[in-house]
Amino acid sequence: MNKFFANFGKLTAGFAFAAIVVSCNNKEQAKTTASSKAVVTDNKEQIVFVNSDSLLNNFSYFKDVRDKFEAKSKKAQQDLNAKGTSFQREVAEYQKNAPSMSADQRAATEERLARKQQELASFNQNASSSLASEEAAENEKLYNRVSDFLKTYAKSKGYKMVLTYSKASPTLLYADESLDVTKEVVAGLNEAYNKEKK
């Protein structure tokens, strides 16, 4: 589970939608309508930032994915623990009965226990692989969802660039708080996600 959050932390660093640059070309700027000129001229700042820590803590989609992933991870851990406990009981039973068993019985039991141990290791590896694959797919969905939203958002606001800030990976050392659009972005993302859920 810690790996899940660590990778989401890496996502926020690599999330570097730090350089999701929404650029307008000079020809398009010359052709903009009076209303869109008003948006750009009213908006003095053309570079803004999003606090990715706050975004993840307040984005409903991320919370839902995290909760679902935690439940799956917990279930996999419980299954592994149950299988491990059962295996340990069998080993303890074998050790208790080994002195009274024939050599053939001991050899057969040891072989069976070795196979079970291998199955247990294989189960653990498969569960980890499955969770890692799902995590990677969810990270990509999360990135695409935020990236797509920011492209539209930045264009509508006349922003040329949206940077990211995270305490875990501070690529942005200082920015005036007036450039922080995190709340607006989270509100927009949550609104879009809530419409999807209906």
N, C-alpha and C. Protein backbone atom coordinates (compact mmCIF):
# COMPACT_ATOMS: atom_id res chain seq x y z
N MET A 1 0.84 -1.19 0.00
CA MET A 1 0.00 0.00 0.00
C MET A 1 0.87 1.24 0.00
N ASN A 2 1.98 1.19 0.78
CA ASN A 2 2.89 2.33 0.78
C ASN A 2 3.45 2.56 -0.60
N LYS A 3 3.65 1.46 -1.35
CA LYS A 3 4.16 1.58 -2.71
C LYS A 3 3.16 2.35 -3.57
N PHE A 4 1.87 2.11 -3.33
CA PHE A 4 0.82 2.81 -4.07
C PHE A 4 0.95 4.31 -3.87
N PHE A 5 1.07 4.75 -2.59
CA PHE A 5 1.17 6.17 -2.31
C PHE A 5 2.50 6.74 -2.78
N ALA A 6 3.56 5.94 -2.68
CA ALA A 6 4.86 6.40 -3.16
C ALA A 6 4.80 6.64 -4.66
N ASN A 7 4.14 5.72 -5.37
CA ASN A 7 4.04 5.90 -6.82
C ASN A 7 3.13 7.06 -7.18
N PHE A 8 2.09 7.28 -6.35
CA PHE A 8 1.27 8.46 -6.62
C PHE A 8 2.08 9.71 -6.32
N GLY A 9 2.99 9.61 -5.34
CA GLY A 9 3.89 10.74 -5.08
C GLY A 9 4.80 10.98 -6.26
N LYS A 10 5.30 9.88 -6.85
CA LYS A 10 6.14 10.02 -8.05
C LYS A 10 5.31 10.61 -9.17
N LEU A 11 4.04 10.21 -9.20
CA LEU A 11 3.17 10.74 -10.25
C LEU A 11 3.07 12.24 -10.11
N THR A 12 2.92 12.72 -8.87
CA THR A 12 2.78 14.16 -8.71
C THR A 12 4.05 14.88 -9.10
N ALA A 13 5.20 14.22 -8.85
CA ALA A 13 6.46 14.82 -9.26
C ALA A 13 6.57 14.76 -10.77
N GLY A 14 6.32 13.57 -11.31
CA GLY A 14 6.39 13.40 -12.74
C GLY A 14 5.15 13.98 -13.36
N PHE A 15 4.18 14.24 -12.50
CA PHE A 15 2.91 14.82 -12.85
C PHE A 15 3.19 16.09 -13.56
N ALA A 16 4.43 16.45 -13.34
CA ALA A 16 4.86 17.72 -13.84
C ALA A 16 4.04 18.11 -15.03
N PHE A 17 2.79 18.22 -14.72
CA PHE A 17 2.00 18.92 -15.68
C PHE A 17 2.54 20.30 -15.52
N ALA A 18 3.77 20.22 -14.80
CA ALA A 18 4.63 21.38 -14.65
C ALA A 18 4.96 21.91 -15.99
N ALA A 19 4.86 21.03 -16.93
CA ALA A 19 4.99 21.77 -18.14
C ALA A 19 3.92 21.36 -19.09
N ILE A 20 2.71 21.41 -18.64
CA ILE A 20 1.63 21.28 -19.60
C ILE A 20 1.48 22.69 -20.13
N VAL A 21 2.08 22.88 -21.25
CA VAL A 21 2.10 24.21 -21.81
C VAL A 21 0.98 24.34 -22.82
N VAL A 22 0.19 25.33 -22.59
CA VAL A 22 -0.87 25.59 -23.55
C VAL A 22 -0.47 26.86 -24.26
N SER A 23 0.03 26.71 -25.46
CA SER A 23 0.49 27.90 -26.15
C SER A 23 -0.44 28.26 -27.29
N CYS A 24 -0.57 29.51 -27.48
CA CYS A 24 -1.38 30.00 -28.59
C CYS A 24 -0.41 30.53 -29.63
N ASN A 25 -0.71 30.28 -30.84
CA ASN A 25 0.19 30.75 -31.84
C ASN A 25 -0.12 32.19 -32.22
N ASN A 26 0.90 32.91 -32.65
CA ASN A 26 0.76 34.35 -32.91
C ASN A 26 -0.34 34.66 -33.91
N LYS A 27 -0.48 33.82 -34.92
CA LYS A 27 -1.51 34.04 -35.94
C LYS A 27 -2.90 33.95 -35.30
N GLU A 28 -3.09 32.98 -34.41
CA GLU A 28 -4.40 32.82 -33.75
C GLU A 28 -4.68 34.01 -32.84
N GLN A 29 -3.65 34.54 -32.19
CA GLN A 29 -3.85 35.68 -31.30
C GLN A 29 -4.31 36.90 -32.09
N ALA A 30 -3.78 37.06 -33.27
CA ALA A 30 -4.16 38.20 -34.09
C ALA A 30 -5.62 38.10 -34.51
N LYS A 31 -6.12 36.88 -34.64
CA LYS A 31 -7.49 36.67 -35.11
C LYS A 31 -8.51 36.54 -33.99
N THR A 32 -8.08 36.67 -32.72
CA THR A 32 -9.02 36.45 -31.62
C THR A 32 -10.13 37.49 -31.65
N THR A 33 -11.29 37.09 -31.16
CA THR A 33 -12.42 38.00 -31.14
C THR A 33 -12.27 38.99 -30.00
N ALA A 34 -13.07 40.02 -30.02
CA ALA A 34 -13.00 41.05 -28.99
C ALA A 34 -13.26 40.44 -27.61
N SER A 35 -14.17 39.49 -27.53
CA SER A 35 -14.48 38.90 -26.22
C SER A 35 -13.31 38.10 -25.68
N SER A 36 -12.62 37.34 -26.54
CA SER A 36 -11.49 36.57 -26.02
C SER A 36 -10.32 37.49 -25.71
N LYS A 37 -10.22 38.63 -26.42
CA LYS A 37 -9.17 39.60 -26.08
C LYS A 37 -9.41 40.14 -24.68
N ALA A 38 -10.69 40.34 -24.35
CA ALA A 38 -11.02 40.85 -23.02
C ALA A 38 -10.58 39.87 -21.94
N VAL A 39 -10.75 38.56 -22.20
CA VAL A 39 -10.34 37.56 -21.23
C VAL A 39 -8.84 37.63 -21.01
N VAL A 40 -8.07 37.69 -22.09
CA VAL A 40 -6.61 37.70 -21.98
C VAL A 40 -6.12 38.99 -21.36
N THR A 41 -6.70 40.15 -21.74
CA THR A 41 -6.20 41.40 -21.19
C THR A 41 -6.61 41.59 -19.74
N ASP A 42 -7.80 41.07 -19.35
CA ASP A 42 -8.20 41.14 -17.95
C ASP A 42 -7.29 40.27 -17.10
N ASN A 43 -6.79 39.22 -17.68
CA ASN A 43 -5.95 38.28 -16.96
C ASN A 43 -4.49 38.65 -17.18
N LYS A 44 -3.92 39.39 -16.23
CA LYS A 44 -2.54 39.87 -16.39
C LYS A 44 -1.55 38.72 -16.31
N GLU A 45 -1.86 37.73 -15.48
CA GLU A 45 -0.95 36.62 -15.30
C GLU A 45 -1.23 35.55 -16.34
N GLN A 46 -0.19 35.11 -17.05
CA GLN A 46 -0.40 34.07 -18.06
C GLN A 46 0.26 32.75 -17.65
N ILE A 47 0.92 32.77 -16.50
CA ILE A 47 1.50 31.54 -15.95
C ILE A 47 0.92 31.38 -14.54
N VAL A 48 0.35 30.22 -14.29
CA VAL A 48 -0.23 29.94 -12.98
C VAL A 48 0.30 28.59 -12.50
N PHE A 49 -0.06 28.23 -11.28
CA PHE A 49 0.38 26.91 -10.79
C PHE A 49 -0.73 26.22 -10.03
N VAL A 50 -0.56 24.91 -9.90
CA VAL A 50 -1.49 24.06 -9.16
C VAL A 50 -0.66 23.33 -8.10
N ASN A 51 -1.16 23.31 -6.88
CA ASN A 51 -0.52 22.56 -5.81
C ASN A 51 -0.99 21.11 -5.94
N SER A 52 -0.12 20.24 -6.42
CA SER A 52 -0.54 18.86 -6.70
C SER A 52 -0.88 18.09 -5.44
N ASP A 53 -0.30 18.45 -4.29
CA ASP A 53 -0.66 17.80 -3.03
C ASP A 53 -2.14 18.07 -2.70
N SER A 54 -2.51 19.35 -2.78
CA SER A 54 -3.90 19.73 -2.51
C SER A 54 -4.84 19.15 -3.55
N LEU A 55 -4.39 19.15 -4.79
CA LEU A 55 -5.23 18.61 -5.86
C LEU A 55 -5.57 17.15 -5.56
N LEU A 56 -4.57 16.34 -5.23
CA LEU A 56 -4.82 14.92 -4.97
C LEU A 56 -5.65 14.71 -3.70
N ASN A 57 -5.43 15.53 -2.69
CA ASN A 57 -6.18 15.38 -1.44
C ASN A 57 -7.64 15.77 -1.59
N ASN A 58 -7.96 16.59 -2.59
CA ASN A 58 -9.32 17.09 -2.72
C ASN A 58 -10.04 16.63 -3.99
N PHE A 59 -9.37 15.89 -4.84
CA PHE A 59 -9.98 15.43 -6.09
C PHE A 59 -10.73 14.13 -5.81
N SER A 60 -12.03 14.15 -5.95
CA SER A 60 -12.89 13.00 -5.63
C SER A 60 -12.48 11.74 -6.39
N TYR A 61 -12.11 11.90 -7.65
CA TYR A 61 -11.71 10.74 -8.46
C TYR A 61 -10.52 10.03 -7.82
N PHE A 62 -9.52 10.80 -7.41
CA PHE A 62 -8.34 10.22 -6.77
C PHE A 62 -8.72 9.51 -5.48
N LYS A 63 -9.59 10.15 -4.68
CA LYS A 63 -10.02 9.53 -3.42
C LYS A 63 -10.71 8.20 -3.68
N ASP A 64 -11.59 8.18 -4.68
CA ASP A 64 -12.31 6.94 -5.01
C ASP A 64 -11.35 5.85 -5.47
N VAL A 65 -10.40 6.23 -6.32
CA VAL A 65 -9.41 5.26 -6.82
C VAL A 65 -8.56 4.75 -5.66
N ARG A 66 -8.13 5.66 -4.80
CA ARG A 66 -7.30 5.28 -3.65
C ARG A 66 -8.06 4.32 -2.74
N ASP A 67 -9.34 4.63 -2.46
CA ASP A 67 -10.13 3.76 -1.58
C ASP A 67 -10.32 2.37 -2.20
N LYS A 68 -10.61 2.35 -3.50
CA LYS A 68 -10.79 1.07 -4.20
C LYS A 68 -9.49 0.27 -4.18
N PHE A 69 -8.38 0.96 -4.41
CA PHE A 69 -7.09 0.30 -4.45
C PHE A 69 -6.69 -0.21 -3.06
N GLU A 70 -6.98 0.59 -2.03
CA GLU A 70 -6.68 0.15 -0.66
C GLU A 70 -7.47 -1.11 -0.32
N ALA A 71 -8.74 -1.16 -0.74
CA ALA A 71 -9.58 -2.34 -0.46
C ALA A 71 -9.01 -3.57 -1.17
N LYS A 72 -8.60 -3.41 -2.43
CA LYS A 72 -8.03 -4.54 -3.18
C LYS A 72 -6.72 -5.00 -2.55
N SER A 73 -5.90 -4.04 -2.17
CA SER A 73 -4.61 -4.35 -1.56
C SER A 73 -4.81 -5.07 -0.23
N LYS A 74 -5.79 -4.61 0.56
CA LYS A 74 -6.08 -5.22 1.86
C LYS A 74 -6.58 -6.66 1.66
N LYS A 75 -7.44 -6.85 0.68
CA LYS A 75 -7.99 -8.18 0.38
C LYS A 75 -6.86 -9.13 -0.04
N ALA A 76 -5.97 -8.65 -0.91
CA ALA A 76 -4.84 -9.48 -1.36
C ALA A 76 -3.95 -9.85 -0.17
N GLN A 77 -3.73 -8.88 0.73
CA GLN A 77 -2.90 -9.13 1.92
C GLN A 77 -3.58 -10.15 2.84
N GLN A 78 -4.90 -10.03 3.00
CA GLN A 78 -5.63 -10.99 3.84
C GLN A 78 -5.56 -12.40 3.26
N ASP A 79 -5.73 -12.49 1.93
CA ASP A 79 -5.63 -13.80 1.27
C ASP A 79 -4.25 -14.41 1.48
N LEU A 80 -3.23 -13.58 1.30
CA LEU A 80 -1.85 -14.05 1.47
C LEU A 80 -1.61 -14.49 2.92
N ASN A 81 -2.10 -13.70 3.87
CA ASN A 81 -1.94 -14.05 5.28
C ASN A 81 -2.64 -15.36 5.61
N ALA A 82 -3.84 -15.54 5.07
CA ALA A 82 -4.60 -16.78 5.34
C ALA A 82 -3.85 -17.99 4.77
N LYS A 83 -3.35 -17.85 3.54
CA LYS A 83 -2.61 -18.96 2.93
C LYS A 83 -1.31 -19.22 3.70
N GLY A 84 -0.65 -18.15 4.14
CA GLY A 84 0.59 -18.29 4.90
C GLY A 84 0.36 -18.97 6.24
N THR A 85 -0.72 -18.60 6.92
CA THR A 85 -1.04 -19.21 8.21
C THR A 85 -1.35 -20.70 8.04
N SER A 86 -2.11 -21.01 7.01
CA SER A 86 -2.44 -22.42 6.73
C SER A 86 -1.18 -23.22 6.45
N PHE A 87 -0.27 -22.62 5.67
CA PHE A 87 1.00 -23.30 5.35
C PHE A 87 1.83 -23.53 6.62
N GLN A 88 1.90 -22.52 7.47
CA GLN A 88 2.66 -22.64 8.72
C GLN A 88 2.10 -23.74 9.62
N ARG A 89 0.76 -23.84 9.63
CA ARG A 89 0.13 -24.92 10.43
C ARG A 89 0.55 -26.29 9.90
N GLU A 90 0.56 -26.42 8.57
CA GLU A 90 0.94 -27.70 7.96
C GLU A 90 2.40 -28.03 8.27
N VAL A 91 3.27 -27.03 8.23
CA VAL A 91 4.69 -27.24 8.54
C VAL A 91 4.83 -27.68 10.01
N ALA A 92 4.11 -26.98 10.91
CA ALA A 92 4.18 -27.32 12.34
C ALA A 92 3.66 -28.75 12.57
N GLU A 93 2.60 -29.11 11.88
CA GLU A 93 2.02 -30.47 12.00
C GLU A 93 3.04 -31.51 11.51
N TYR A 94 3.69 -31.18 10.39
CA TYR A 94 4.70 -32.11 9.86
C TYR A 94 5.85 -32.28 10.86
N GLN A 95 6.33 -31.15 11.40
CA GLN A 95 7.46 -31.22 12.34
C GLN A 95 7.09 -32.04 13.59
N LYS A 96 5.84 -31.93 14.02
CA LYS A 96 5.38 -32.67 15.19
C LYS A 96 5.32 -34.18 14.88
N ASN A 97 4.86 -34.52 13.67
CA ASN A 97 4.66 -35.94 13.32
C ASN A 97 5.86 -36.58 12.63
N ALA A 98 6.84 -35.80 12.22
CA ALA A 98 7.98 -36.33 11.46
C ALA A 98 8.69 -37.51 12.15
N PRO A 99 8.94 -37.45 13.45
CA PRO A 99 9.66 -38.57 14.08
C PRO A 99 8.94 -39.92 13.95
N SER A 100 7.61 -39.88 13.88
CA SER A 100 6.86 -41.14 13.80
C SER A 100 6.55 -41.56 12.35
N MET A 101 7.02 -40.76 11.38
CA MET A 101 6.74 -41.06 9.97
C MET A 101 7.86 -41.89 9.36
N SER A 102 7.49 -42.65 8.35
CA SER A 102 8.52 -43.41 7.62
C SER A 102 9.30 -42.43 6.74
N ALA A 103 10.43 -42.88 6.24
CA ALA A 103 11.27 -42.03 5.37
C ALA A 103 10.50 -41.62 4.12
N ASP A 104 9.74 -42.55 3.56
CA ASP A 104 8.95 -42.25 2.36
C ASP A 104 7.87 -41.20 2.66
N GLN A 105 7.22 -41.34 3.80
CA GLN A 105 6.17 -40.38 4.18
C GLN A 105 6.77 -38.98 4.39
N ARG A 106 7.94 -38.97 5.05
CA ARG A 106 8.60 -37.67 5.27
C ARG A 106 8.97 -37.03 3.93
N ALA A 107 9.54 -37.82 3.03
CA ALA A 107 9.96 -37.30 1.72
C ALA A 107 8.74 -36.77 0.95
N ALA A 108 7.64 -37.51 0.95
CA ALA A 108 6.43 -37.10 0.23
C ALA A 108 5.85 -35.82 0.84
N THR A 109 5.83 -35.75 2.17
CA THR A 109 5.29 -34.56 2.85
C THR A 109 6.17 -33.35 2.59
N GLU A 110 7.48 -33.53 2.65
CA GLU A 110 8.40 -32.42 2.39
C GLU A 110 8.26 -31.91 0.96
N GLU A 111 8.07 -32.84 0.04
CA GLU A 111 7.88 -32.46 -1.36
C GLU A 111 6.58 -31.67 -1.53
N ARG A 112 5.52 -32.15 -0.88
CA ARG A 112 4.22 -31.46 -0.95
C ARG A 112 4.32 -30.06 -0.33
N LEU A 113 5.00 -29.95 0.81
CA LEU A 113 5.17 -28.65 1.48
C LEU A 113 6.03 -27.70 0.64
N ALA A 114 7.04 -28.23 -0.02
CA ALA A 114 7.88 -27.40 -0.89
C ALA A 114 7.05 -26.84 -2.05
N ARG A 115 6.16 -27.69 -2.62
CA ARG A 115 5.27 -27.24 -3.70
C ARG A 115 4.33 -26.15 -3.20
N LYS A 116 3.79 -26.35 -2.00
CA LYS A 116 2.88 -25.35 -1.42
C LYS A 116 3.60 -24.03 -1.18
N GLN A 117 4.84 -24.13 -0.72
CA GLN A 117 5.62 -22.91 -0.47
C GLN A 117 5.85 -22.16 -1.78
N GLN A 118 6.13 -22.90 -2.84
CA GLN A 118 6.33 -22.31 -4.16
C GLN A 118 5.03 -21.65 -4.66
N GLU A 119 3.91 -22.34 -4.44
CA GLU A 119 2.60 -21.79 -4.84
C GLU A 119 2.31 -20.49 -4.09
N LEU A 120 2.68 -20.48 -2.81
CA LEU A 120 2.47 -19.29 -1.99
C LEU A 120 3.31 -18.12 -2.51
N ALA A 121 4.56 -18.39 -2.84
CA ALA A 121 5.44 -17.35 -3.39
C ALA A 121 4.90 -16.86 -4.74
N SER A 122 4.41 -17.79 -5.54
CA SER A 122 3.85 -17.44 -6.85
C SER A 122 2.59 -16.60 -6.69
N PHE A 123 1.73 -16.96 -5.74
CA PHE A 123 0.51 -16.20 -5.46
C PHE A 123 0.87 -14.77 -5.07
N ASN A 124 1.86 -14.64 -4.20
CA ASN A 124 2.30 -13.32 -3.73
C ASN A 124 2.82 -12.49 -4.91
N GLN A 125 3.64 -13.10 -5.75
CA GLN A 125 4.22 -12.40 -6.90
C GLN A 125 3.13 -11.98 -7.89
N ASN A 126 2.17 -12.88 -8.15
CA ASN A 126 1.09 -12.56 -9.08
C ASN A 126 0.19 -11.44 -8.56
N ALA A 127 -0.09 -11.49 -7.26
CA ALA A 127 -0.93 -10.44 -6.65
C ALA A 127 -0.21 -9.10 -6.72
N SER A 128 1.09 -9.09 -6.44
CA SER A 128 1.88 -7.85 -6.51
C SER A 128 1.92 -7.31 -7.93
N SER A 129 2.13 -8.20 -8.89
CA SER A 129 2.18 -7.80 -10.30
C SER A 129 0.85 -7.22 -10.75
N SER A 130 -0.22 -7.88 -10.36
CA SER A 130 -1.56 -7.43 -10.74
C SER A 130 -1.85 -6.04 -10.16
N LEU A 131 -1.51 -5.85 -8.89
CA LEU A 131 -1.72 -4.55 -8.25
C LEU A 131 -0.85 -3.47 -8.89
N ALA A 132 0.39 -3.82 -9.23
CA ALA A 132 1.30 -2.85 -9.86
C ALA A 132 0.78 -2.45 -11.24
N SER A 133 0.26 -3.40 -12.01
CA SER A 133 -0.29 -3.10 -13.33
C SER A 133 -1.51 -2.19 -13.22
N GLU A 134 -2.35 -2.52 -12.26
CA GLU A 134 -3.55 -1.70 -12.06
C GLU A 134 -3.17 -0.30 -11.61
N GLU A 135 -2.17 -0.22 -10.75
CA GLU A 135 -1.70 1.07 -10.26
C GLU A 135 -1.18 1.93 -11.41
N ALA A 136 -0.39 1.32 -12.29
CA ALA A 136 0.16 2.05 -13.44
C ALA A 136 -0.96 2.56 -14.34
N ALA A 137 -1.97 1.72 -14.57
CA ALA A 137 -3.11 2.12 -15.41
C ALA A 137 -3.87 3.27 -14.76
N GLU A 138 -4.07 3.20 -13.45
CA GLU A 138 -4.79 4.27 -12.75
C GLU A 138 -3.98 5.57 -12.74
N ASN A 139 -2.66 5.46 -12.58
CA ASN A 139 -1.80 6.65 -12.64
C ASN A 139 -1.94 7.35 -13.99
N GLU A 140 -1.95 6.54 -15.05
CA GLU A 140 -2.07 7.10 -16.39
C GLU A 140 -3.44 7.76 -16.59
N LYS A 141 -4.49 7.11 -16.11
CA LYS A 141 -5.84 7.69 -16.22
C LYS A 141 -5.91 9.02 -15.46
N LEU A 142 -5.33 9.03 -14.26
CA LEU A 142 -5.34 10.24 -13.44
C LEU A 142 -4.59 11.37 -14.15
N TYR A 143 -3.41 11.06 -14.65
CA TYR A 143 -2.62 12.07 -15.36
C TYR A 143 -3.39 12.61 -16.56
N ASN A 144 -3.96 11.71 -17.37
CA ASN A 144 -4.70 12.13 -18.56
C ASN A 144 -5.91 12.98 -18.20
N ARG A 145 -6.60 12.58 -17.15
CA ARG A 145 -7.80 13.32 -16.73
C ARG A 145 -7.43 14.76 -16.35
N VAL A 146 -6.38 14.90 -15.54
CA VAL A 146 -5.97 16.23 -15.08
C VAL A 146 -5.39 17.03 -16.25
N SER A 147 -4.57 16.40 -17.06
CA SER A 147 -3.96 17.06 -18.20
C SER A 147 -5.01 17.57 -19.18
N ASP A 148 -5.98 16.73 -19.52
CA ASP A 148 -7.03 17.13 -20.46
C ASP A 148 -7.84 18.29 -19.90
N PHE A 149 -8.16 18.21 -18.61
CA PHE A 149 -8.92 19.30 -17.99
C PHE A 149 -8.12 20.60 -18.03
N LEU A 150 -6.82 20.52 -17.70
CA LEU A 150 -6.00 21.74 -17.65
C LEU A 150 -5.82 22.39 -19.02
N LYS A 151 -5.77 21.59 -20.06
CA LYS A 151 -5.65 22.17 -21.41
C LYS A 151 -6.85 23.06 -21.70
N THR A 152 -8.03 22.55 -21.42
CA THR A 152 -9.26 23.32 -21.66
C THR A 152 -9.35 24.51 -20.71
N TYR A 153 -9.05 24.26 -19.45
CA TYR A 153 -9.12 25.31 -18.43
C TYR A 153 -8.17 26.47 -18.76
N ALA A 154 -6.92 26.13 -19.07
CA ALA A 154 -5.92 27.16 -19.37
C ALA A 154 -6.32 27.97 -20.59
N LYS A 155 -6.81 27.30 -21.60
CA LYS A 155 -7.22 27.99 -22.82
C LYS A 155 -8.36 28.96 -22.53
N SER A 156 -9.33 28.52 -21.73
CA SER A 156 -10.49 29.37 -21.43
C SER A 156 -10.10 30.57 -20.58
N LYS A 157 -9.05 30.45 -19.78
CA LYS A 157 -8.61 31.54 -18.91
C LYS A 157 -7.52 32.40 -19.54
N GLY A 158 -7.00 31.97 -20.68
CA GLY A 158 -5.93 32.72 -21.33
C GLY A 158 -4.56 32.48 -20.73
N TYR A 159 -4.39 31.36 -20.00
CA TYR A 159 -3.09 31.06 -19.42
C TYR A 159 -2.20 30.40 -20.46
N LYS A 160 -0.94 30.77 -20.43
CA LYS A 160 0.03 30.18 -21.37
C LYS A 160 0.69 28.93 -20.79
N MET A 161 0.73 28.86 -19.45
CA MET A 161 1.43 27.74 -18.83
C MET A 161 0.82 27.47 -17.45
N VAL A 162 0.72 26.18 -17.13
CA VAL A 162 0.27 25.77 -15.79
C VAL A 162 1.39 24.92 -15.20
N LEU A 163 1.97 25.40 -14.12
CA LEU A 163 3.05 24.68 -13.44
C LEU A 163 2.47 23.91 -12.26
N THR A 164 3.27 23.03 -11.70
CA THR A 164 2.83 22.29 -10.52
C THR A 164 3.78 22.55 -9.37
N TYR A 165 3.22 22.44 -8.17
CA TYR A 165 4.03 22.58 -6.97
C TYR A 165 3.69 21.42 -6.05
N SER A 166 4.71 20.83 -5.45
CA SER A 166 4.51 19.76 -4.49
C SER A 166 5.64 19.84 -3.47
N LYS A 167 5.30 19.67 -2.20
CA LYS A 167 6.35 19.70 -1.16
C LYS A 167 7.32 18.55 -1.35
N ALA A 168 6.80 17.42 -1.84
CA ALA A 168 7.66 16.25 -2.03
C ALA A 168 8.68 16.48 -3.14
N SER A 169 8.32 17.26 -4.12
CA SER A 169 9.22 17.53 -5.24
C SER A 169 9.06 18.98 -5.66
N PRO A 170 9.66 19.89 -4.91
CA PRO A 170 9.44 21.32 -5.16
C PRO A 170 10.22 21.85 -6.36
N THR A 171 9.65 21.65 -7.54
CA THR A 171 10.28 22.21 -8.74
C THR A 171 10.00 23.70 -8.84
N LEU A 172 8.96 24.13 -8.15
CA LEU A 172 8.60 25.54 -8.10
C LEU A 172 8.96 26.04 -6.71
N LEU A 173 9.97 26.88 -6.60
CA LEU A 173 10.44 27.31 -5.28
C LEU A 173 9.62 28.44 -4.70
N TYR A 174 9.12 29.33 -5.56
CA TYR A 174 8.29 30.41 -5.07
C TYR A 174 7.35 30.87 -6.16
N ALA A 175 6.14 31.17 -5.76
CA ALA A 175 5.17 31.82 -6.66
C ALA A 175 4.20 32.57 -5.79
N ASP A 176 3.79 33.71 -6.25
CA ASP A 176 2.81 34.50 -5.53
C ASP A 176 1.51 33.70 -5.41
N GLU A 177 0.87 33.78 -4.25
CA GLU A 177 -0.36 33.01 -4.03
C GLU A 177 -1.46 33.37 -5.01
N SER A 178 -1.41 34.56 -5.57
CA SER A 178 -2.46 34.97 -6.52
C SER A 178 -2.39 34.13 -7.80
N LEU A 179 -1.26 33.42 -8.01
CA LEU A 179 -1.12 32.58 -9.19
C LEU A 179 -1.58 31.14 -8.94
N ASP A 180 -1.97 30.85 -7.70
CA ASP A 180 -2.41 29.49 -7.33
C ASP A 180 -3.87 29.30 -7.76
N VAL A 181 -4.07 28.42 -8.72
CA VAL A 181 -5.43 28.15 -9.24
C VAL A 181 -5.93 26.77 -8.81
N THR A 182 -5.31 26.21 -7.78
CA THR A 182 -5.64 24.86 -7.34
C THR A 182 -7.12 24.69 -7.03
N LYS A 183 -7.70 25.61 -6.25
CA LYS A 183 -9.10 25.47 -5.84
C LYS A 183 -10.02 25.44 -7.06
N GLU A 184 -9.77 26.34 -8.00
CA GLU A 184 -10.60 26.37 -9.22
C GLU A 184 -10.47 25.07 -10.00
N VAL A 185 -9.23 24.58 -10.11
CA VAL A 185 -8.98 23.35 -10.87
C VAL A 185 -9.65 22.16 -10.19
N VAL A 186 -9.50 22.06 -8.87
CA VAL A 186 -10.13 20.95 -8.13
C VAL A 186 -11.65 21.02 -8.28
N ALA A 187 -12.21 22.22 -8.16
CA ALA A 187 -13.66 22.37 -8.30
C ALA A 187 -14.11 21.92 -9.68
N GLY A 188 -13.38 22.33 -10.71
CA GLY A 188 -13.72 21.93 -12.08
C GLY A 188 -13.59 20.44 -12.31
N LEU A 189 -12.50 19.86 -11.80
CA LEU A 189 -12.30 18.41 -11.94
C LEU A 189 -13.39 17.63 -11.22
N ASN A 190 -13.73 18.06 -10.00
CA ASN A 190 -14.76 17.37 -9.23
C ASN A 190 -16.13 17.50 -9.89
N GLU A 191 -16.41 18.66 -10.43
CA GLU A 191 -17.69 18.87 -11.12
C GLU A 191 -17.80 17.91 -12.31
N ALA A 192 -16.74 17.83 -13.10
CA ALA A 192 -16.74 16.93 -14.27
C ALA A 192 -16.85 15.47 -13.83
N TYR A 193 -16.14 15.10 -12.78
CA TYR A 193 -16.17 13.71 -12.30
C TYR A 193 -17.55 13.35 -11.74
N ASN A 194 -18.16 14.28 -10.99
CA ASN A 194 -19.49 14.02 -10.43
C ASN A 194 -20.54 13.84 -11.52
N LYS A 195 -20.40 14.58 -12.61
CA LYS A 195 -21.33 14.40 -13.74
C LYS A 195 -21.17 13.01 -14.35
N GLU A 196 -19.93 12.55 -14.44
CA GLU A 196 -19.64 11.21 -14.98
C GLU A 196 -20.26 10.12 -14.12
N LYS A 197 -20.20 10.29 -12.79
CA LYS A 197 -20.68 9.28 -11.86
C LYS A 197 -22.20 9.10 -11.90
N LYS A 198 -22.92 10.12 -12.35
CA LYS A 198 -24.40 10.05 -12.35
C LYS A 198 -24.91 9.09 -13.38
